[in-house]
Amino acid sequence: MNDDMPFFEQVYQVAQLIPTGRFTTYGAIAAYIGSKGSARMVGWAMNGSHHALKSIPAHRVVNRNGMLTGKHHFGDPTLMQKLLENEGIQIANDKIIDFEKYFWDPAKELL
């Protein structure tokens, strides 16, 4: 990624590339942009994405276990799950089912 670009912008660029029906994790984005260990900052970026000028699919970014930990930042706490389910991802108890099937790793996908 471009080191001159602000961290949040780098996060948003990666998030915009997540295909419909797939998801990634905060840590996978952090590692991809060269900031491994900054998963929490990626979470902050996703929370701030609701105010971004461009559309950021923040619902497609979850924690390393597939938990919808950011769901409370969508206004309606069920919206994140609904958006993912509308894309074909199954969820039970706020956790993605078949993690490996739907996981999108930018380090492997964006060679």
Protein backbone atom coordinates (compact mmCIF):
# COMPACT_ATOMS: atom_id res chain seq x y z
CA MET A 1 0.00 0.00 0.00
CA ASN A 2 0.95 3.64 -0.31
CA ASP A 3 2.81 4.72 2.84
CA ASP A 4 1.93 8.36 2.12
CA MET A 5 -1.79 7.59 2.32
CA PRO A 6 -3.51 8.01 5.71
CA PHE A 7 -4.18 4.75 7.58
CA PHE A 8 -7.98 5.00 7.42
CA GLU A 9 -7.87 5.63 3.66
CA GLN A 10 -5.71 2.53 3.17
CA VAL A 11 -8.23 0.51 5.19
CA TYR A 12 -11.13 1.89 3.16
CA GLN A 13 -9.42 1.07 -0.14
CA VAL A 14 -9.02 -2.57 0.91
CA ALA A 15 -12.55 -2.79 2.33
CA GLN A 16 -14.00 -1.54 -0.95
CA LEU A 17 -12.40 -4.51 -2.72
CA ILE A 18 -14.10 -7.17 -0.59
CA PRO A 19 -16.43 -9.00 -2.99
CA THR A 20 -20.13 -9.31 -2.32
CA GLY A 21 -20.82 -12.53 -0.43
CA ARG A 22 -17.38 -12.58 1.20
CA PHE A 23 -15.89 -11.04 4.34
CA THR A 24 -12.50 -10.35 5.86
CA THR A 25 -11.15 -9.58 9.31
CA TYR A 26 -9.75 -6.49 10.96
CA GLY A 27 -6.42 -8.28 11.35
CA ALA A 28 -6.25 -9.41 7.73
CA ILE A 29 -6.66 -5.82 6.55
CA ALA A 30 -4.09 -4.57 9.06
CA ALA A 31 -1.57 -7.19 7.93
CA TYR A 32 -2.18 -6.45 4.26
CA ILE A 33 -1.51 -2.72 4.62
CA GLY A 34 1.71 -3.47 6.52
CA SER A 35 0.44 -2.70 9.99
CA LYS A 36 0.11 -6.15 11.54
CA GLY A 37 -1.06 -5.80 15.12
CA SER A 38 -3.29 -2.82 14.30
CA ALA A 39 -6.58 -4.73 14.02
CA ARG A 40 -8.17 -2.45 16.60
CA MET A 41 -7.31 0.61 14.50
CA VAL A 42 -8.94 -1.08 11.50
CA GLY A 43 -12.03 -1.46 13.69
CA TRP A 44 -11.94 2.25 14.46
CA ALA A 45 -11.66 2.95 10.75
CA MET A 46 -14.70 0.76 10.06
CA ASN A 47 -16.64 2.61 12.75
CA GLY A 48 -15.66 5.90 11.13
CA SER A 49 -16.56 4.64 7.67
CA HIS A 50 -20.22 5.39 8.28
CA HIS A 51 -19.28 9.07 7.87
CA ALA A 52 -17.08 8.60 4.79
CA LEU A 53 -18.01 10.31 1.54
CA LYS A 54 -17.80 7.05 -0.39
CA SER A 55 -19.62 3.83 0.42
CA ILE A 56 -17.52 1.44 2.51
CA PRO A 57 -18.88 -2.11 3.03
CA ALA A 58 -17.99 -2.13 6.73
CA HIS A 59 -20.45 -4.99 7.31
CA ARG A 60 -17.98 -7.28 5.51
CA VAL A 61 -15.28 -6.80 8.16
CA VAL A 62 -15.50 -8.93 11.32
CA ASN A 63 -13.20 -10.14 14.08
CA ARG A 64 -10.73 -13.04 13.69
CA ASN A 65 -13.31 -15.54 14.91
CA GLY A 66 -16.03 -14.40 12.51
CA MET A 67 -17.96 -12.59 15.24
CA LEU A 68 -19.99 -9.52 14.31
CA THR A 69 -18.27 -7.38 16.94
CA GLY A 70 -18.98 -4.15 15.07
CA LYS A 71 -22.73 -4.67 14.84
CA HIS A 72 -23.55 -1.94 17.37
CA HIS A 73 -22.06 0.72 15.11
CA PHE A 74 -24.73 0.25 12.45
CA GLY A 75 -27.54 2.03 14.31
CA ASP A 76 -29.75 -1.05 14.22
CA PRO A 77 -27.81 -3.88 15.92
CA THR A 78 -29.32 -6.42 13.51
CA LEU A 79 -28.38 -4.51 10.32
CA MET A 80 -24.86 -5.94 9.96
CA GLN A 81 -26.23 -9.49 10.12
CA LYS A 82 -29.03 -8.68 7.69
CA LEU A 83 -26.59 -7.18 5.17
CA LEU A 84 -24.33 -10.24 5.33
CA GLU A 85 -27.27 -12.65 5.09
CA ASN A 86 -28.59 -10.74 2.07
CA GLU A 87 -25.24 -11.56 0.44
CA GLY A 88 -25.60 -15.27 1.20
CA ILE A 89 -23.46 -15.51 4.34
CA GLN A 90 -25.08 -17.55 7.11
CA ILE A 91 -24.82 -16.36 10.70
CA ALA A 92 -25.77 -17.95 14.02
CA ASN A 93 -25.37 -16.30 17.42
CA ASP A 94 -23.60 -13.28 15.88
CA LYS A 95 -20.97 -15.53 14.27
CA ILE A 96 -20.35 -16.40 10.62
CA ILE A 97 -20.95 -20.05 9.77
CA ASP A 98 -18.43 -21.66 7.39
CA PHE A 99 -15.73 -19.08 8.09
CA GLU A 100 -13.22 -20.56 5.62
CA LYS A 101 -15.78 -20.78 2.82
CA TYR A 102 -16.50 -17.04 2.81
CA PHE A 103 -13.25 -15.61 4.18
CA TRP A 104 -11.50 -13.21 1.79
CA ASP A 105 -7.82 -12.70 2.59
CA PRO A 106 -6.47 -9.59 0.86
CA ALA A 107 -2.90 -10.94 1.13
CA LYS A 108 -3.88 -13.88 -1.07
CA GLU A 109 -6.54 -12.25 -3.23
CA LEU A 110 -4.71 -9.01 -4.05
CA LEU A 111 -1.37 -10.30 -5.27
